[in-house]
Amino acid sequence: MVRGNKKPEYMKSVVGPALGLLALLGIASYALLGPTGIIAWTDYRAALSERKVELANLQKERDALRNRQMLLDRDNVDPDLAGELMRKELNVVAPDEMVVPLK
């Protein structure tokens, strides 16, 4: 009968640490395998290098557009750019000009 009384106490003393151990294992596995875990860092590094290349291309494009914007300043328009845009967008040609289409 003495053994019967100690069994519930033994179970109580084992269940608490077992649940704690399971919780720690769950946290550790999430830290390793989760979406922001240690194993996902390699994917992030690859994505980061791709994004850096894309960012460099976008910065070049932005600089080209900024330069074009500066050339189209209201007070001081570049005459060559204005003529190019008129011919391209409006199909405007002077009477003495000849248009040669290039294919």
PDB file of N, CA and C in Angstrom:
ATOM      1  N   MET A   1       0.796  -1.196   0.000  1.00  0.00           N
ATOM      2  CA  MET A   1       0.000   0.000   0.000  1.00  0.00           C
ATOM      3  C   MET A   1       0.838   1.259   0.000  1.00  0.00           C
ATOM      4  N   VAL A   2       1.995   1.123   0.488  1.00  0.00           N
ATOM      5  CA  VAL A   2       2.875   2.286   0.520  1.00  0.00           C
ATOM      6  C   VAL A   2       3.245   2.691  -0.905  1.00  0.00           C
ATOM      7  N   ARG A   3       3.448   1.686  -1.741  1.00  0.00           N
ATOM      8  CA  ARG A   3       3.782   1.980  -3.140  1.00  0.00           C
ATOM      9  C   ARG A   3       2.643   2.701  -3.849  1.00  0.00           C
ATOM     10  N   GLY A   4       1.443   2.375  -3.549  1.00  0.00           N
ATOM     11  CA  GLY A   4       0.281   2.989  -4.187  1.00  0.00           C
ATOM     12  C   GLY A   4       0.201   4.482  -3.899  1.00  0.00           C
ATOM     13  N   ASN A   5       0.613   4.910  -2.748  1.00  0.00           N
ATOM     14  CA  ASN A   5       0.565   6.324  -2.395  1.00  0.00           C
ATOM     15  C   ASN A   5       1.673   7.121  -3.073  1.00  0.00           C
ATOM     16  N   LYS A   6       2.795   6.495  -3.369  1.00  0.00           N
ATOM     17  CA  LYS A   6       3.925   7.217  -3.961  1.00  0.00           C
ATOM     18  C   LYS A   6       3.788   7.363  -5.472  1.00  0.00           C
ATOM     19  N   LYS A   7       2.971   6.576  -6.103  1.00  0.00           N
ATOM     20  CA  LYS A   7       2.842   6.630  -7.556  1.00  0.00           C
ATOM     21  C   LYS A   7       2.299   7.986  -8.051  1.00  0.00           C
ATOM     22  N   PRO A   8       1.265   8.550  -7.484  1.00  0.00           N
ATOM     23  CA  PRO A   8       0.813   9.867  -7.953  1.00  0.00           C
ATOM     24  C   PRO A   8       1.857  10.962  -7.711  1.00  0.00           C
ATOM     25  N   GLU A   9       2.585  10.897  -6.639  1.00  0.00           N
ATOM     26  CA  GLU A   9       3.633  11.887  -6.382  1.00  0.00           C
ATOM     27  C   GLU A   9       4.761  11.748  -7.405  1.00  0.00           C
ATOM     28  N   TYR A  10       5.087  10.507  -7.734  1.00  0.00           N
ATOM     29  CA  TYR A  10       6.124  10.267  -8.742  1.00  0.00           C
ATOM     30  C   TYR A  10       5.690  10.807 -10.098  1.00  0.00           C
ATOM     31  N   MET A  11       4.447  10.615 -10.471  1.00  0.00           N
ATOM     32  CA  MET A  11       3.933  11.106 -11.756  1.00  0.00           C
ATOM     33  C   MET A  11       3.961  12.633 -11.793  1.00  0.00           C
ATOM     34  N   LYS A  12       3.604  13.264 -10.679  1.00  0.00           N
ATOM     35  CA  LYS A  12       3.628  14.721 -10.622  1.00  0.00           C
ATOM     36  C   LYS A  12       5.057  15.243 -10.761  1.00  0.00           C
ATOM     37  N   SER A  13       6.000  14.543 -10.179  1.00  0.00           N
ATOM     38  CA  SER A  13       7.385  15.004 -10.246  1.00  0.00           C
ATOM     39  C   SER A  13       8.001  14.757 -11.621  1.00  0.00           C
ATOM     40  N   VAL A  14       7.446  13.864 -12.415  1.00  0.00           N
ATOM     41  CA  VAL A  14       7.981  13.563 -13.744  1.00  0.00           C
ATOM     42  C   VAL A  14       7.281  14.394 -14.828  1.00  0.00           C
ATOM     43  N   VAL A  15       6.005  14.651 -14.665  1.00  0.00           N
ATOM     44  CA  VAL A  15       5.226  15.339 -15.699  1.00  0.00           C
ATOM     45  C   VAL A  15       5.705  16.777 -15.887  1.00  0.00           C
ATOM     46  N   GLY A  16       5.971  17.483 -14.838  1.00  0.00           N
ATOM     47  CA  GLY A  16       6.407  18.884 -14.941  1.00  0.00           C
ATOM     48  C   GLY A  16       7.694  19.046 -15.742  1.00  0.00           C
ATOM     49  N   PRO A  17       8.772  18.358 -15.362  1.00  0.00           N
ATOM     50  CA  PRO A  17      10.002  18.458 -16.144  1.00  0.00           C
ATOM     51  C   PRO A  17       9.854  17.929 -17.574  1.00  0.00           C
ATOM     52  N   ALA A  18       9.020  16.905 -17.775  1.00  0.00           N
ATOM     53  CA  ALA A  18       8.816  16.377 -19.126  1.00  0.00           C
ATOM     54  C   ALA A  18       8.141  17.417 -20.012  1.00  0.00           C
ATOM     55  N   LEU A  19       7.156  18.107 -19.482  1.00  0.00           N
ATOM     56  CA  LEU A  19       6.495  19.164 -20.259  1.00  0.00           C
ATOM     57  C   LEU A  19       7.458  20.323 -20.539  1.00  0.00           C
ATOM     58  N   GLY A  20       8.271  20.640 -19.544  1.00  0.00           N
ATOM     59  CA  GLY A  20       9.271  21.691 -19.747  1.00  0.00           C
ATOM     60  C   GLY A  20      10.278  21.317 -20.828  1.00  0.00           C
ATOM     61  N   LEU A  21      10.713  20.059 -20.810  1.00  0.00           N
ATOM     62  CA  LEU A  21      11.651  19.575 -21.817  1.00  0.00           C
ATOM     63  C   LEU A  21      11.021  19.600 -23.208  1.00  0.00           C
ATOM     64  N   LEU A  22       9.761  19.184 -23.297  1.00  0.00           N
ATOM     65  CA  LEU A  22       9.067  19.227 -24.590  1.00  0.00           C
ATOM     66  C   LEU A  22       8.925  20.668 -25.096  1.00  0.00           C
ATOM     67  N   ALA A  23       8.640  21.595 -24.199  1.00  0.00           N
ATOM     68  CA  ALA A  23       8.528  23.001 -24.596  1.00  0.00           C
ATOM     69  C   ALA A  23       9.872  23.523 -25.100  1.00  0.00           C
ATOM     70  N   LEU A  24      10.961  23.194 -24.406  1.00  0.00           N
ATOM     71  CA  LEU A  24      12.282  23.626 -24.846  1.00  0.00           C
ATOM     72  C   LEU A  24      12.658  23.006 -26.194  1.00  0.00           C
ATOM     73  N   LEU A  25      12.318  21.746 -26.399  1.00  0.00           N
ATOM     74  CA  LEU A  25      12.590  21.101 -27.686  1.00  0.00           C
ATOM     75  C   LEU A  25      11.781  21.751 -28.807  1.00  0.00           C
ATOM     76  N   GLY A  26      10.553  22.118 -28.507  1.00  0.00           N
ATOM     77  CA  GLY A  26       9.733  22.806 -29.505  1.00  0.00           C
ATOM     78  C   GLY A  26      10.309  24.161 -29.873  1.00  0.00           C
ATOM     79  N   ILE A  27      10.752  24.910 -28.885  1.00  0.00           N
ATOM     80  CA  ILE A  27      11.350  26.225 -29.138  1.00  0.00           C
ATOM     81  C   ILE A  27      12.650  26.078 -29.926  1.00  0.00           C
ATOM     82  N   ALA A  28      13.458  25.096 -29.558  1.00  0.00           N
ATOM     83  CA  ALA A  28      14.737  24.879 -30.244  1.00  0.00           C
ATOM     84  C   ALA A  28      14.501  24.455 -31.699  1.00  0.00           C
ATOM     85  N   SER A  29      13.523  23.591 -31.923  1.00  0.00           N
ATOM     86  CA  SER A  29      13.254  23.168 -33.305  1.00  0.00           C
ATOM     87  C   SER A  29      12.711  24.323 -34.126  1.00  0.00           C
ATOM     88  N   TYR A  30      11.906  25.180 -33.545  1.00  0.00           N
ATOM     89  CA  TYR A  30      11.407  26.353 -34.265  1.00  0.00           C
ATOM     90  C   TYR A  30      12.555  27.317 -34.575  1.00  0.00           C
ATOM     91  N   ALA A  31      13.502  27.434 -33.640  1.00  0.00           N
ATOM     92  CA  ALA A  31      14.649  28.309 -33.879  1.00  0.00           C
ATOM     93  C   ALA A  31      15.529  27.785 -35.010  1.00  0.00           C
ATOM     94  N   LEU A  32      15.572  26.493 -35.189  1.00  0.00           N
ATOM     95  CA  LEU A  32      16.373  25.906 -36.268  1.00  0.00           C
ATOM     96  C   LEU A  32      15.609  25.822 -37.584  1.00  0.00           C
ATOM     97  N   LEU A  33      14.384  25.344 -37.532  1.00  0.00           N
ATOM     98  CA  LEU A  33      13.646  25.008 -38.745  1.00  0.00           C
ATOM     99  C   LEU A  33      12.550  26.005 -39.110  1.00  0.00           C
ATOM    100  N   GLY A  34      12.298  26.986 -38.289  1.00  0.00           N
ATOM    101  CA  GLY A  34      11.216  27.931 -38.537  1.00  0.00           C
ATOM    102  C   GLY A  34      11.492  28.854 -39.723  1.00  0.00           C
ATOM    103  N   PRO A  35      10.536  29.676 -40.086  1.00  0.00           N
ATOM    104  CA  PRO A  35      10.703  30.565 -41.246  1.00  0.00           C
ATOM    105  C   PRO A  35      11.809  31.602 -41.057  1.00  0.00           C
ATOM    106  N   THR A  36      12.132  31.924 -39.828  1.00  0.00           N
ATOM    107  CA  THR A  36      13.233  32.845 -39.564  1.00  0.00           C
ATOM    108  C   THR A  36      14.349  32.144 -38.801  1.00  0.00           C
ATOM    109  N   GLY A  37      14.427  30.843 -38.941  1.00  0.00           N
ATOM    110  CA  GLY A  37      15.411  30.051 -38.207  1.00  0.00           C
ATOM    111  C   GLY A  37      16.788  30.092 -38.842  1.00  0.00           C
ATOM    112  N   ILE A  38      17.682  29.361 -38.225  1.00  0.00           N
ATOM    113  CA  ILE A  38      19.083  29.340 -38.645  1.00  0.00           C
ATOM    114  C   ILE A  38      19.232  28.742 -40.040  1.00  0.00           C
ATOM    115  N   ILE A  39      18.457  27.723 -40.348  1.00  0.00           N
ATOM    116  CA  ILE A  39      18.562  27.087 -41.666  1.00  0.00           C
ATOM    117  C   ILE A  39      18.047  28.014 -42.767  1.00  0.00           C
ATOM    118  N   ALA A  40      17.097  28.883 -42.452  1.00  0.00           N
ATOM    119  CA  ALA A  40      16.546  29.806 -43.449  1.00  0.00           C
ATOM    120  C   ALA A  40      17.523  30.932 -43.790  1.00  0.00           C
ATOM    121  N   TRP A  41      18.582  31.104 -43.023  1.00  0.00           N
ATOM    122  CA  TRP A  41      19.539  32.177 -43.302  1.00  0.00           C
ATOM    123  C   TRP A  41      20.182  32.024 -44.669  1.00  0.00           C
ATOM    124  N   THR A  42      20.440  30.816 -45.103  1.00  0.00           N
ATOM    125  CA  THR A  42      21.058  30.636 -46.426  1.00  0.00           C
ATOM    126  C   THR A  42      20.122  31.131 -47.527  1.00  0.00           C
ATOM    127  N   ASP A  43      18.830  30.887 -47.376  1.00  0.00           N
ATOM    128  CA  ASP A  43      17.870  31.399 -48.352  1.00  0.00           C
ATOM    129  C   ASP A  43      17.848  32.922 -48.326  1.00  0.00           C
ATOM    130  N   TYR A  44      17.923  33.485 -47.146  1.00  0.00           N
ATOM    131  CA  TYR A  44      17.921  34.939 -47.035  1.00  0.00           C
ATOM    132  C   TYR A  44      19.174  35.551 -47.665  1.00  0.00           C
ATOM    133  N   ARG A  45      20.305  34.895 -47.503  1.00  0.00           N
ATOM    134  CA  ARG A  45      21.535  35.408 -48.114  1.00  0.00           C
ATOM    135  C   ARG A  45      21.443  35.391 -49.629  1.00  0.00           C
ATOM    136  N   ALA A  46      20.889  34.330 -50.199  1.00  0.00           N
ATOM    137  CA  ALA A  46      20.727  34.249 -51.651  1.00  0.00           C
ATOM    138  C   ALA A  46      19.749  35.313 -52.129  1.00  0.00           C
ATOM    139  N   ALA A  47      18.667  35.486 -51.417  1.00  0.00           N
ATOM    140  CA  ALA A  47      17.687  36.502 -51.793  1.00  0.00           C
ATOM    141  C   ALA A  47      18.282  37.899 -51.656  1.00  0.00           C
ATOM    142  N   LEU A  48      19.120  38.098 -50.663  1.00  0.00           N
ATOM    143  CA  LEU A  48      19.746  39.399 -50.466  1.00  0.00           C
ATOM    144  C   LEU A  48      20.666  39.749 -51.621  1.00  0.00           C
ATOM    145  N   SER A  49      21.440  38.792 -52.103  1.00  0.00           N
ATOM    146  CA  SER A  49      22.331  39.076 -53.234  1.00  0.00           C
ATOM    147  C   SER A  49      21.519  39.381 -54.490  1.00  0.00           C
ATOM    148  N   GLU A  50      20.402  38.686 -54.698  1.00  0.00           N
ATOM    149  CA  GLU A  50      19.542  38.989 -55.847  1.00  0.00           C
ATOM    150  C   GLU A  50      18.944  40.380 -55.728  1.00  0.00           C
ATOM    151  N   ARG A  51      18.522  40.737 -54.535  1.00  0.00           N
ATOM    152  CA  ARG A  51      17.914  42.059 -54.318  1.00  0.00           C
ATOM    153  C   ARG A  51      18.940  43.177 -54.506  1.00  0.00           C
ATOM    154  N   LYS A  52      20.196  42.918 -54.141  1.00  0.00           N
ATOM    155  CA  LYS A  52      21.228  43.942 -54.333  1.00  0.00           C
ATOM    156  C   LYS A  52      21.446  44.214 -55.815  1.00  0.00           C
ATOM    157  N   VAL A  53      21.440  43.162 -56.631  1.00  0.00           N
ATOM    158  CA  VAL A  53      21.590  43.340 -58.079  1.00  0.00           C
ATOM    159  C   VAL A  53      20.396  44.109 -58.626  1.00  0.00           C
ATOM    160  N   GLU A  54      19.203  43.743 -58.181  1.00  0.00           N
ATOM    161  CA  GLU A  54      17.995  44.433 -58.634  1.00  0.00           C
ATOM    162  C   GLU A  54      18.007  45.900 -58.198  1.00  0.00           C
ATOM    163  N   LEU A  55      18.465  46.166 -56.989  1.00  0.00           N
ATOM    164  CA  LEU A  55      18.547  47.529 -56.494  1.00  0.00           C
ATOM    165  C   LEU A  55      19.521  48.358 -57.317  1.00  0.00           C
ATOM    166  N   ALA A  56      20.665  47.780 -57.675  1.00  0.00           N
ATOM    167  CA  ALA A  56      21.640  48.506 -58.490  1.00  0.00           C
ATOM    168  C   ALA A  56      21.044  48.859 -59.854  1.00  0.00           C
ATOM    169  N   ASN A  57      20.307  47.923 -60.460  1.00  0.00           N
ATOM    170  CA  ASN A  57      19.670  48.209 -61.755  1.00  0.00           C
ATOM    171  C   ASN A  57      18.614  49.295 -61.624  1.00  0.00           C
ATOM    172  N   LEU A  58      17.831  49.256 -60.563  1.00  0.00           N
ATOM    173  CA  LEU A  58      16.806  50.272 -60.361  1.00  0.00           C
ATOM    174  C   LEU A  58      17.415  51.640 -60.081  1.00  0.00           C
ATOM    175  N   GLN A  59      18.540  51.670 -59.395  1.00  0.00           N
ATOM    176  CA  GLN A  59      19.198  52.947 -59.141  1.00  0.00           C
ATOM    177  C   GLN A  59      19.738  53.554 -60.432  1.00  0.00           C
ATOM    178  N   LYS A  60      20.270  52.710 -61.336  1.00  0.00           N
ATOM    179  CA  LYS A  60      20.724  53.209 -62.631  1.00  0.00           C
ATOM    180  C   LYS A  60      19.563  53.778 -63.431  1.00  0.00           C
ATOM    181  N   GLU A  61      18.443  53.063 -63.411  1.00  0.00           N
ATOM    182  CA  GLU A  61      17.259  53.535 -64.135  1.00  0.00           C
ATOM    183  C   GLU A  61      16.743  54.843 -63.533  1.00  0.00           C
ATOM    184  N   ARG A  62      16.748  54.940 -62.198  1.00  0.00           N
ATOM    185  CA  ARG A  62      16.309  56.157 -61.537  1.00  0.00           C
ATOM    186  C   ARG A  62      17.210  57.338 -61.901  1.00  0.00           C
ATOM    187  N   ASP A  63      18.524  57.099 -61.941  1.00  0.00           N
ATOM    188  CA  ASP A  63      19.444  58.171 -62.300  1.00  0.00           C
ATOM    189  C   ASP A  63      19.232  58.627 -63.735  1.00  0.00           C
ATOM    190  N   ALA A  64      18.950  57.682 -64.640  1.00  0.00           N
ATOM    191  CA  ALA A  64      18.687  58.056 -66.031  1.00  0.00           C
ATOM    192  C   ALA A  64      17.407  58.876 -66.126  1.00  0.00           C
ATOM    193  N   LEU A  65      16.379  58.488 -65.385  1.00  0.00           N
ATOM    194  CA  LEU A  65      15.126  59.254 -65.401  1.00  0.00           C
ATOM    195  C   LEU A  65      15.305  60.625 -64.758  1.00  0.00           C
ATOM    196  N   ARG A  66      16.110  60.698 -63.712  1.00  0.00           N
ATOM    197  CA  ARG A  66      16.369  61.995 -63.072  1.00  0.00           C
ATOM    198  C   ARG A  66      17.119  62.926 -64.028  1.00  0.00           C
ATOM    199  N   ASN A  67      18.069  62.376 -64.792  1.00  0.00           N
ATOM    200  CA  ASN A  67      18.795  63.175 -65.773  1.00  0.00           C
ATOM    201  C   ASN A  67      17.843  63.690 -66.849  1.00  0.00           C
ATOM    202  N   ARG A  68      16.948  62.828 -67.311  1.00  0.00           N
ATOM    203  CA  ARG A  68      15.973  63.235 -68.328  1.00  0.00           C
ATOM    204  C   ARG A  68      15.038  64.309 -67.773  1.00  0.00           C
ATOM    205  N   GLN A  69      14.676  64.193 -66.514  1.00  0.00           N
ATOM    206  CA  GLN A  69      13.829  65.201 -65.876  1.00  0.00           C
ATOM    207  C   GLN A  69      14.547  66.548 -65.816  1.00  0.00           C
ATOM    208  N   MET A  70      15.832  66.514 -65.498  1.00  0.00           N
ATOM    209  CA  MET A  70      16.596  67.759 -65.434  1.00  0.00           C
ATOM    210  C   MET A  70      16.688  68.414 -66.816  1.00  0.00           C
ATOM    211  N   LEU A  71      16.775  67.602 -67.865  1.00  0.00           N
ATOM    212  CA  LEU A  71      16.832  68.147 -69.212  1.00  0.00           C
ATOM    213  C   LEU A  71      15.492  68.742 -69.638  1.00  0.00           C
ATOM    214  N   LEU A  72      14.404  68.322 -69.028  1.00  0.00           N
ATOM    215  CA  LEU A  72      13.082  68.847 -69.355  1.00  0.00           C
ATOM    216  C   LEU A  72      12.636  69.934 -68.386  1.00  0.00           C
ATOM    217  N   ASP A  73      13.560  70.616 -67.773  1.00  0.00           N
ATOM    218  CA  ASP A  73      13.235  71.692 -66.850  1.00  0.00           C
ATOM    219  C   ASP A  73      12.436  72.766 -67.585  1.00  0.00           C
ATOM    220  N   ARG A  74      11.394  73.307 -66.970  1.00  0.00           N
ATOM    221  CA  ARG A  74      10.510  74.274 -67.630  1.00  0.00           C
ATOM    222  C   ARG A  74      11.244  75.535 -68.079  1.00  0.00           C
ATOM    223  N   ASP A  75      12.178  75.980 -67.272  1.00  0.00           N
ATOM    224  CA  ASP A  75      12.855  77.238 -67.585  1.00  0.00           C
ATOM    225  C   ASP A  75      13.970  77.061 -68.602  1.00  0.00           C
ATOM    226  N   ASN A  76      14.548  75.877 -68.708  1.00  0.00           N
ATOM    227  CA  ASN A  76      15.698  75.688 -69.582  1.00  0.00           C
ATOM    228  C   ASN A  76      15.618  74.298 -70.221  1.00  0.00           C
ATOM    229  N   VAL A  77      14.782  74.165 -71.261  1.00  0.00           N
ATOM    230  CA  VAL A  77      14.599  72.879 -71.926  1.00  0.00           C
ATOM    231  C   VAL A  77      15.730  72.654 -72.920  1.00  0.00           C
ATOM    232  N   ASP A  78      16.265  71.437 -72.925  1.00  0.00           N
ATOM    233  CA  ASP A  78      17.283  71.060 -73.904  1.00  0.00           C
ATOM    234  C   ASP A  78      16.609  70.967 -75.274  1.00  0.00           C
ATOM    235  N   PRO A  79      17.052  71.746 -76.276  1.00  0.00           N
ATOM    236  CA  PRO A  79      16.366  71.760 -77.574  1.00  0.00           C
ATOM    237  C   PRO A  79      16.423  70.412 -78.297  1.00  0.00           C
ATOM    238  N   ASP A  80      17.504  69.695 -78.159  1.00  0.00           N
ATOM    239  CA  ASP A  80      17.591  68.392 -78.824  1.00  0.00           C
ATOM    240  C   ASP A  80      16.569  67.413 -78.246  1.00  0.00           C
ATOM    241  N   LEU A  81      16.446  67.412 -76.933  1.00  0.00           N
ATOM    242  CA  LEU A  81      15.493  66.516 -76.297  1.00  0.00           C
ATOM    243  C   LEU A  81      14.065  66.926 -76.632  1.00  0.00           C
ATOM    244  N   ALA A  82      13.797  68.221 -76.662  1.00  0.00           N
ATOM    245  CA  ALA A  82      12.455  68.681 -77.010  1.00  0.00           C
ATOM    246  C   ALA A  82      12.103  68.265 -78.434  1.00  0.00           C
ATOM    247  N   GLY A  83      13.038  68.424 -79.367  1.00  0.00           N
ATOM    248  CA  GLY A  83      12.788  68.009 -80.746  1.00  0.00           C
ATOM    249  C   GLY A  83      12.577  66.514 -80.860  1.00  0.00           C
ATOM    250  N   GLU A  84      13.366  65.747 -80.134  1.00  0.00           N
ATOM    251  CA  GLU A  84      13.223  64.289 -80.160  1.00  0.00           C
ATOM    252  C   GLU A  84      11.857  63.861 -79.634  1.00  0.00           C
ATOM    253  N   LEU A  85      11.430  64.473 -78.533  1.00  0.00           N
ATOM    254  CA  LEU A  85      10.138  64.109 -77.964  1.00  0.00           C
ATOM    255  C   LEU A  85       8.983  64.524 -78.872  1.00  0.00           C
ATOM    256  N   MET A  86       9.081  65.688 -79.521  1.00  0.00           N
ATOM    257  CA  MET A  86       8.019  66.118 -80.432  1.00  0.00           C
ATOM    258  C   MET A  86       7.900  65.157 -81.605  1.00  0.00           C
ATOM    259  N   ARG A  87       9.026  64.764 -82.158  1.00  0.00           N
ATOM    260  CA  ARG A  87       8.975  63.862 -83.303  1.00  0.00           C
ATOM    261  C   ARG A  87       8.470  62.474 -82.888  1.00  0.00           C
ATOM    262  N   LYS A  88       8.868  62.035 -81.723  1.00  0.00           N
ATOM    263  CA  LYS A  88       8.513  60.696 -81.274  1.00  0.00           C
ATOM    264  C   LYS A  88       7.046  60.606 -80.831  1.00  0.00           C
ATOM    265  N   GLU A  89       6.606  61.539 -80.008  1.00  0.00           N
ATOM    266  CA  GLU A  89       5.274  61.462 -79.413  1.00  0.00           C
ATOM    267  C   GLU A  89       4.180  62.061 -80.296  1.00  0.00           C
ATOM    268  N   LEU A  90       4.485  63.154 -80.974  1.00  0.00           N
ATOM    269  CA  LEU A  90       3.450  63.867 -81.724  1.00  0.00           C
ATOM    270  C   LEU A  90       3.545  63.682 -83.230  1.00  0.00           C
ATOM    271  N   ASN A  91       4.591  63.004 -83.690  1.00  0.00           N
ATOM    272  CA  ASN A  91       4.829  62.848 -85.130  1.00  0.00           C
ATOM    273  C   ASN A  91       4.859  64.202 -85.836  1.00  0.00           C
ATOM    274  N   VAL A  92       5.553  65.162 -85.233  1.00  0.00           N
ATOM    275  CA  VAL A  92       5.664  66.520 -85.790  1.00  0.00           C
ATOM    276  C   VAL A  92       6.985  66.621 -86.536  1.00  0.00           C
ATOM    277  N   VAL A  93       6.916  67.056 -87.799  1.00  0.00           N
ATOM    278  CA  VAL A  93       8.117  67.246 -88.606  1.00  0.00           C
ATOM    279  C   VAL A  93       8.029  68.590 -89.298  1.00  0.00           C
ATOM    280  N   ALA A  94       9.167  69.206 -89.472  1.00  0.00           N
ATOM    281  CA  ALA A  94       9.208  70.470 -90.208  1.00  0.00           C
ATOM    282  C   ALA A  94       8.998  70.182 -91.694  1.00  0.00           C
ATOM    283  N   PRO A  95       8.502  71.192 -92.465  1.00  0.00           N
ATOM    284  CA  PRO A  95       8.238  70.969 -93.898  1.00  0.00           C
ATOM    285  C   PRO A  95       9.481  70.603 -94.702  1.00  0.00           C
ATOM    286  N   ASP A  96      10.648  71.065 -94.295  1.00  0.00           N
ATOM    287  CA  ASP A  96      11.870  70.790 -95.062  1.00  0.00           C
ATOM    288  C   ASP A  96      12.588  69.523 -94.587  1.00  0.00           C
ATOM    289  N   GLU A  97      12.006  68.771 -93.656  1.00  0.00           N
ATOM    290  CA  GLU A  97      12.647  67.562 -93.157  1.00  0.00           C
ATOM    291  C   GLU A  97      12.138  66.339 -93.889  1.00  0.00           C
ATOM    292  N   MET A  98      13.008  65.358 -93.990  1.00  0.00           N
ATOM    293  CA  MET A  98      12.623  64.092 -94.591  1.00  0.00           C
ATOM    294  C   MET A  98      12.753  62.995 -93.532  1.00  0.00           C
ATOM    295  N   VAL A  99      11.727  62.162 -93.403  1.00  0.00           N
ATOM    296  CA  VAL A  99      11.717  61.110 -92.398  1.00  0.00           C
ATOM    297  C   VAL A  99      12.142  59.809 -93.061  1.00  0.00           C
ATOM    298  N   VAL A 100      13.181  59.205 -92.508  1.00  0.00           N
ATOM    299  CA  VAL A 100      13.671  57.928 -93.008  1.00  0.00           C
ATOM    300  C   VAL A 100      13.432  56.889 -91.917  1.00  0.00           C
ATOM    301  N   PRO A 101      12.460  55.997 -92.109  1.00  0.00           N
ATOM    302  CA  PRO A 101      12.194  54.996 -91.062  1.00  0.00           C
ATOM    303  C   PRO A 101      13.306  53.949 -91.026  1.00  0.00           C
ATOM    304  N   LEU A 102      13.742  53.637 -89.828  1.00  0.00           N
ATOM    305  CA  LEU A 102      14.763  52.619 -89.637  1.00  0.00           C
ATOM    306  C   LEU A 102      14.098  51.383 -89.051  1.00  0.00           C
ATOM    307  N   LYS A 103      14.444  50.231 -89.589  1.00  0.00           N
ATOM    308  CA  LYS A 103      13.821  49.005 -89.104  1.00  0.00           C
ATOM    309  C   LYS A 103      14.725  48.256 -88.190  1.00  0.00           C
TER     310      LYS A 103
END
